[in-house]
Each structure stands twice: as structure tokens, then as C-alpha cells.
Amino acid sequence: MSEGVSQPDGKTWAEHMAGNIDRDAHGNIQLAGTGALGDYMASLVTKNIKLPGGKKLRVRADTFGYLQRSFPGFVSETDAKEARLVGQQAAKLAAEGQPGGSVAMRRLPGDVYKIETFLTPLSTVARETKHLDPAYIVNGNNITDAFKKYAAPLVGPLPKVGTFDELRK
């Protein structure tokens, strides 16, 4: 599950489990990196779900961080290109003596995927959490074809994953 998953009242599980959770300079809750949320959820599952005969359910929580970054062969070409573009823009603005800020990207409207870059003050970076548009969510736990279409230019071709059926041949 995502580290930002919320309860029905809108409060995140992280907020529920710890009143004194660390926050960043913008007031956003620091959710990643500790593993505490995964451990908390694993504990809830262990306490509340029993196997037949009263046996305890074995639960393991893994906190992903570097795992998704460990496959250099599965890099989105768009993501790599945009990362380089933002770095180049930042270097150019710094060389020109532009005041501090962050290079941001904005997706342009239209059927063809395009972005523009712009300098934004640091006070606007990570200021507010932007939630996924509910129109992209199906039954509370899946995504629509419209979201897949939106994300496709960013993600690029998905890696092909083999199946055990291929081993039978």
C-alpha cells in the first residue's frame, strides 16, 4: 500500500499512528524512509486476522525505496530526458544569475505529450499534496483506461514479464 493511504476520515494512517510525526518545511508529513508505517500495518494484520485454529498469520512489511531504482534497464525514456532537461535549465538559470528557486515542469494541453519548464519559488515546491483525480480511480483500488492513457507518455513501454507457462514449452 502507499505510504500516503488515508482512512475514511481523510487522515493518513501515518497521522493516526504517530501524533508527533516529522514534517518538512512546508508542513507535509514525512512518510518515507523509516519503515514505521509498514511495521504498524503488519502489526494490525497480525493482531486482527487469525488463521483457522487460532494460528497467527505471518506478515512481512517491506518498505520500498531503492528497489524501483535498481533496474537501470527499465528507465522511462521520457523521465530520463526530462530529468536531463530540468538539470540543464537549472544550470542555465544559475549561470545567468537568476534568483533561487526550482525548475518545474508543466504538462501542456493537447493530444501530443509536451511539457514546458519554468522557474518557481522554493516556497511553492512540495507546498501541497496533490491527490490523484478521483476520475482516474475505479472501485477505490484500480485505475481507469483514461489514467493509463495519461501516464503512457511518461512511463513508456512497460517491461515484458515472463510467465511460468513459457517454461512448459
Protein backbone atom coordinates (compact mmCIF):
# COMPACT_ATOMS: atom_id res chain seq x y z
CA MET A 1 0.00 0.00 0.00
CA SER A 2 1.09 3.56 -0.50
CA GLU A 3 2.65 5.48 2.35
CA GLY A 4 0.01 8.20 1.93
CA VAL A 5 -3.03 5.92 2.17
CA SER A 6 -5.81 7.56 4.13
CA GLN A 7 -8.56 6.42 6.43
CA PRO A 8 -12.20 7.22 5.54
CA ASP A 9 -11.96 10.49 7.53
CA GLY A 10 -9.11 11.66 5.27
CA LYS A 11 -6.45 11.33 7.97
CA THR A 12 -3.49 9.26 6.84
CA TRP A 13 -2.58 6.08 8.64
CA ALA A 14 0.77 7.69 9.42
CA GLU A 15 -1.03 10.55 11.20
CA HIS A 16 -3.17 8.03 13.08
CA MET A 17 -0.21 6.02 14.33
CA ALA A 18 2.00 8.89 15.47
CA GLY A 19 0.91 12.31 16.63
CA ASN A 20 4.43 13.72 16.59
CA ILE A 21 5.42 12.64 13.11
CA ASP A 22 8.13 14.71 11.43
CA ARG A 23 7.10 17.33 8.89
CA ASP A 24 9.05 19.07 6.14
CA ALA A 25 9.49 22.83 5.76
CA HIS A 26 6.10 23.02 4.03
CA GLY A 27 4.26 21.13 6.78
CA ASN A 28 3.95 17.89 4.80
CA ILE A 29 4.20 14.70 6.82
CA GLN A 30 7.47 12.83 6.31
CA LEU A 31 6.23 9.36 5.44
CA ALA A 32 9.07 7.65 3.68
CA GLY A 33 12.28 6.09 4.80
CA THR A 34 11.51 4.78 8.28
CA GLY A 35 9.55 1.59 7.69
CA ALA A 36 7.39 2.50 10.70
CA LEU A 37 4.15 2.57 8.70
CA GLY A 38 4.77 -0.88 7.21
CA ASP A 39 5.61 -2.29 10.64
CA TYR A 40 2.49 -0.70 12.13
CA MET A 41 0.22 -2.12 9.41
CA ALA A 42 1.84 -5.57 9.69
CA SER A 43 1.17 -5.47 13.43
CA LEU A 44 -2.51 -4.60 12.82
CA VAL A 45 -2.89 -7.51 10.41
CA THR A 46 -1.17 -9.93 12.80
CA LYS A 47 -3.37 -8.85 15.72
CA ASN A 48 -6.67 -8.78 13.86
CA ILE A 49 -6.56 -11.65 11.36
CA LYS A 50 -6.25 -15.21 12.63
CA LEU A 51 -5.82 -18.39 10.63
CA PRO A 52 -8.02 -21.43 11.27
CA GLY A 53 -7.17 -22.98 14.60
CA GLY A 54 -6.15 -19.62 16.04
CA LYS A 55 -2.72 -19.67 14.42
CA LYS A 56 -1.02 -16.34 13.88
CA LEU A 57 -0.74 -15.05 10.35
CA ARG A 58 2.85 -14.41 9.29
CA VAL A 59 3.14 -10.91 7.91
CA ARG A 60 6.13 -9.14 6.42
CA ALA A 61 6.28 -5.47 5.54
CA ASP A 62 8.83 -4.25 3.04
CA THR A 63 9.47 -0.56 2.60
CA PHE A 64 10.45 0.10 -0.98
CA GLY A 65 12.80 2.93 -1.66
CA TYR A 66 15.71 1.83 -3.73
CA LEU A 67 14.12 -1.27 -5.20
CA GLN A 68 12.37 0.57 -8.02
CA ARG A 69 15.62 2.41 -8.78
CA SER A 70 17.68 -0.75 -9.10
CA PHE A 71 16.67 -1.71 -12.63
CA PRO A 72 18.56 0.62 -14.99
CA GLY A 73 17.25 -1.30 -18.00
CA PHE A 74 13.70 -0.22 -17.20
CA VAL A 75 14.12 3.54 -17.30
CA SER A 76 11.41 5.62 -18.89
CA GLU A 77 12.98 7.47 -21.82
CA THR A 78 10.68 10.42 -21.15
CA ASP A 79 11.66 10.55 -17.48
CA ALA A 80 15.37 10.40 -18.31
CA LYS A 81 15.03 13.10 -20.98
CA GLU A 82 13.04 15.39 -18.68
CA ALA A 83 15.46 14.89 -15.78
CA ARG A 84 18.32 15.98 -18.01
CA LEU A 85 16.28 18.94 -19.33
CA VAL A 86 15.48 20.17 -15.82
CA GLY A 87 19.15 19.89 -14.83
CA GLN A 88 20.23 21.82 -17.92
CA GLN A 89 17.62 24.52 -17.24
CA ALA A 90 18.76 24.82 -13.63
CA ALA A 91 22.42 25.17 -14.68
CA LYS A 92 21.50 27.76 -17.32
CA LEU A 93 19.42 29.84 -14.88
CA ALA A 94 22.17 29.68 -12.26
CA ALA A 95 24.78 30.80 -14.81
CA GLU A 96 22.53 33.71 -15.75
CA GLY A 97 22.35 34.74 -12.09
CA GLN A 98 18.63 34.03 -11.69
CA PRO A 99 17.40 34.22 -8.11
CA GLY A 100 16.87 30.97 -6.17
CA GLY A 101 14.06 28.65 -6.98
CA SER A 102 13.35 25.31 -8.55
CA VAL A 103 12.88 24.34 -12.17
CA ALA A 104 9.41 22.85 -12.53
CA MET A 105 7.60 21.20 -15.41
CA ARG A 106 4.05 21.73 -16.57
CA ARG A 107 2.25 19.42 -18.97
CA LEU A 108 0.79 21.27 -21.92
CA PRO A 109 -2.75 20.55 -23.11
CA GLY A 110 -3.31 18.57 -26.27
CA ASP A 111 -3.20 15.06 -27.65
CA VAL A 112 0.58 15.08 -28.12
CA TYR A 113 2.60 14.89 -24.91
CA LYS A 114 4.63 18.08 -24.34
CA ILE A 115 5.88 19.95 -21.30
CA GLU A 116 7.27 23.38 -20.57
CA THR A 117 9.76 24.24 -17.85
CA PHE A 118 9.64 27.30 -15.63
CA LEU A 119 11.31 28.67 -12.54
CA THR A 120 9.16 28.57 -9.43
CA PRO A 121 9.98 29.93 -5.95
CA LEU A 122 11.07 27.32 -3.42
CA SER A 123 8.05 28.23 -1.31
CA THR A 124 5.80 26.63 -3.95
CA VAL A 125 7.71 23.35 -4.14
CA ALA A 126 6.00 20.49 -2.26
CA ARG A 127 3.72 23.03 -0.63
CA GLU A 128 0.60 20.96 -1.01
CA THR A 129 -0.14 17.35 -1.62
CA LYS A 130 -1.80 16.75 -4.95
CA HIS A 131 -4.06 13.73 -4.87
CA LEU A 132 -4.85 11.57 -7.88
CA ASP A 133 -8.01 12.81 -9.57
CA PRO A 134 -10.87 10.52 -8.42
CA ALA A 135 -11.99 10.29 -12.06
CA TYR A 136 -8.90 8.10 -12.63
CA ILE A 137 -9.87 5.62 -9.88
CA VAL A 138 -12.17 2.61 -10.30
CA ASN A 139 -13.81 0.92 -7.30
CA GLY A 140 -11.39 2.59 -4.90
CA ASN A 141 -8.40 0.44 -5.83
CA ASN A 142 -7.80 0.37 -9.56
CA ILE A 143 -7.10 2.84 -12.35
CA THR A 144 -9.07 3.74 -15.45
CA ASP A 145 -8.03 3.46 -19.06
CA ALA A 146 -8.01 7.28 -19.09
CA PHE A 147 -5.25 7.25 -16.47
CA LYS A 148 -3.29 4.67 -18.45
CA LYS A 149 -3.55 6.94 -21.49
CA TYR A 150 -2.44 9.94 -19.39
CA ALA A 151 0.54 8.08 -17.89
CA ALA A 152 1.66 6.22 -21.04
CA PRO A 153 3.92 9.00 -22.41
CA LEU A 154 5.60 9.34 -19.02
CA VAL A 155 6.06 5.65 -18.32
CA GLY A 156 6.88 4.46 -21.81
CA PRO A 157 6.73 0.81 -22.79
CA LEU A 158 6.29 -1.46 -19.79
CA PRO A 159 8.83 -4.26 -19.32
CA LYS A 160 7.74 -7.65 -20.57
CA VAL A 161 7.46 -10.10 -17.71
CA GLY A 162 7.70 -13.81 -18.35
CA THR A 163 5.34 -16.43 -17.00
CA PHE A 164 5.74 -20.00 -15.83
CA ASP A 165 3.73 -21.09 -18.87
CA GLU A 166 6.75 -20.26 -21.02
CA LEU A 167 8.81 -22.86 -19.13
CA ARG A 168 6.50 -25.71 -20.18
CA LYS A 169 7.43 -25.43 -23.84
